[in-house]
C-alpha atoms as a PDB file:
ATOM      1  CA  MET A   1      92.026 158.424 131.161  1.00  0.00           C
ATOM      2  CA  LYS A   2      88.492 159.538 131.998  1.00  0.00           C
ATOM      3  CA  LYS A   3      89.699 161.261 135.168  1.00  0.00           C
ATOM      4  CA  ILE A   4      92.309 163.227 133.245  1.00  0.00           C
ATOM      5  CA  ILE A   5      89.783 164.349 130.640  1.00  0.00           C
ATOM      6  CA  ALA A   6      87.305 165.332 133.366  1.00  0.00           C
ATOM      7  CA  ALA A   7      90.002 167.326 135.191  1.00  0.00           C
ATOM      8  CA  ILE A   8      90.917 169.190 131.990  1.00  0.00           C
ATOM      9  CA  VAL A   9      87.259 169.946 131.205  1.00  0.00           C
ATOM     10  CA  PHE A  10      86.640 171.248 134.735  1.00  0.00           C
ATOM     11  CA  ALA A  11      89.804 173.367 134.576  1.00  0.00           C
ATOM     12  CA  PHE A  12      88.629 174.996 131.351  1.00  0.00           C
ATOM     13  CA  LEU A  13      85.131 175.492 132.749  1.00  0.00           C
ATOM     14  CA  SER A  14      86.466 177.247 135.833  1.00  0.00           C
ATOM     15  CA  VAL A  15      88.620 179.545 133.686  1.00  0.00           C
ATOM     16  CA  TYR A  16      85.650 180.238 131.416  1.00  0.00           C
ATOM     17  CA  THR A  17      83.308 181.099 134.284  1.00  0.00           C
ATOM     18  CA  ASN A  18      85.881 183.400 135.893  1.00  0.00           C
ATOM     19  CA  ALA A  19      86.322 185.199 132.581  1.00  0.00           C
ATOM     20  CA  GLN A  20      82.639 186.140 132.503  1.00  0.00           C
ATOM     21  CA  THR A  21      82.868 188.789 135.217  1.00  0.00           C
ATOM     22  CA  SER A  22      85.399 191.529 135.507  1.00  0.00           C
ATOM     23  CA  VAL A  23      87.323 191.741 138.765  1.00  0.00           C
ATOM     24  CA  GLY A  24      85.848 194.045 141.391  1.00  0.00           C
ATOM     25  CA  THR A  25      82.475 194.675 139.762  1.00  0.00           C
ATOM     26  CA  PRO A  26      79.423 192.568 140.619  1.00  0.00           C
ATOM     27  CA  PRO A  27      77.249 191.240 137.793  1.00  0.00           C
ATOM     28  CA  VAL A  28      74.554 193.559 136.511  1.00  0.00           C
ATOM     29  CA  THR A  29      71.766 191.181 137.506  1.00  0.00           C
ATOM     30  CA  THR A  30      72.859 191.314 141.141  1.00  0.00           C
ATOM     31  CA  ASP A  31      72.724 195.112 141.187  1.00  0.00           C
ATOM     32  CA  LEU A  32      69.353 195.086 139.441  1.00  0.00           C
ATOM     33  CA  MET A  33      67.872 192.613 141.917  1.00  0.00           C
ATOM     34  CA  ARG A  34      69.233 194.556 144.883  1.00  0.00           C
ATOM     35  CA  SER A  35      67.862 197.844 143.583  1.00  0.00           C
ATOM     36  CA  ASN A  36      64.406 196.337 143.033  1.00  0.00           C
ATOM     37  CA  GLY A  37      64.396 194.511 146.355  1.00  0.00           C
ATOM     38  CA  LYS A  38      63.918 191.160 144.639  1.00  0.00           C
ATOM     39  CA  ILE A  39      67.047 189.697 146.182  1.00  0.00           C
ATOM     40  CA  LEU A  40      65.104 189.426 149.433  1.00  0.00           C
ATOM     41  CA  VAL A  41      62.448 187.379 147.637  1.00  0.00           C
ATOM     42  CA  VAL A  42      65.126 185.018 146.325  1.00  0.00           C
ATOM     43  CA  VAL A  43      66.634 184.653 149.788  1.00  0.00           C
ATOM     44  CA  ALA A  44      63.188 184.053 151.307  1.00  0.00           C
ATOM     45  CA  VAL A  45      62.389 181.338 148.773  1.00  0.00           C
ATOM     46  CA  ILE A  46      65.730 179.632 149.394  1.00  0.00           C
ATOM     47  CA  VAL A  47      65.168 179.752 153.167  1.00  0.00           C
ATOM     48  CA  ILE A  48      61.663 178.274 152.781  1.00  0.00           C
ATOM     49  CA  ILE A  49      62.989 175.470 150.589  1.00  0.00           C
ATOM     50  CA  MET A  50      65.789 174.703 153.061  1.00  0.00           C
ATOM     51  CA  ILE A  51      63.372 174.650 156.014  1.00  0.00           C
ATOM     52  CA  GLY A  52      61.147 172.223 154.114  1.00  0.00           C
ATOM     53  CA  PHE A  53      64.130 170.052 153.202  1.00  0.00           C
ATOM     54  CA  PHE A  54      65.402 169.867 156.780  1.00  0.00           C
ATOM     55  CA  GLY A  55      61.878 169.228 158.066  1.00  0.00           C
ATOM     56  CA  TYR A  56      61.581 166.330 155.648  1.00  0.00           C
ATOM     57  CA  LEU A  57      64.952 164.943 156.753  1.00  0.00           C
ATOM     58  CA  ILE A  58      63.935 165.146 160.406  1.00  0.00           C
ATOM     59  CA  SER A  59      60.638 163.341 159.734  1.00  0.00           C
ATOM     60  CA  VAL A  60      62.431 160.588 157.793  1.00  0.00           C
ATOM     61  CA  ASP A  61      64.938 160.240 160.626  1.00  0.00           C
ATOM     62  CA  LYS A  62      62.137 159.850 163.164  1.00  0.00           C
ATOM     63  CA  LYS A  63      60.448 157.191 161.023  1.00  0.00           C
ATOM     64  CA  LEU A  64      63.723 155.313 160.602  1.00  0.00           C
ATOM     65  CA  THR A  65      64.400 155.418 164.317  1.00  0.00           C
ATOM     66  CA  LYS A  66      60.926 154.052 164.983  1.00  0.00           C
ATOM     67  CA  LEU A  67      61.421 151.228 162.462  1.00  0.00           C
ATOM     68  CA  GLU A  68      64.810 150.356 163.912  1.00  0.00           C
ATOM     69  CA  LYS A  69      63.352 150.101 167.426  1.00  0.00           C
ATOM     70  CA  GLU A  70      60.488 147.883 166.187  1.00  0.00           C
ATOM     71  CA  GLY A  71      62.934 145.631 164.352  1.00  0.00           C
ATOM     72  CA  ILE A  72      64.956 144.966 167.518  1.00  0.00           C
ATOM     73  CA  LYS A  73      62.003 143.282 169.335  1.00  0.00           C
END
């Protein structure tokens, strides 16, 4: 029953979010950010966050590998 209710809610949400923008025209905020050059700042921040996230994952992987090798002895 919960799965059916969740599916109905998500179906209505997707219809609602698609109704917010008219077809073929981008949202006004996107045009405003492109005209001011701020979209590049947003992209730069996202790239920095992703680099940090992947760097963290790599460091955790190295630590795990080291612990696994020590545990085998």
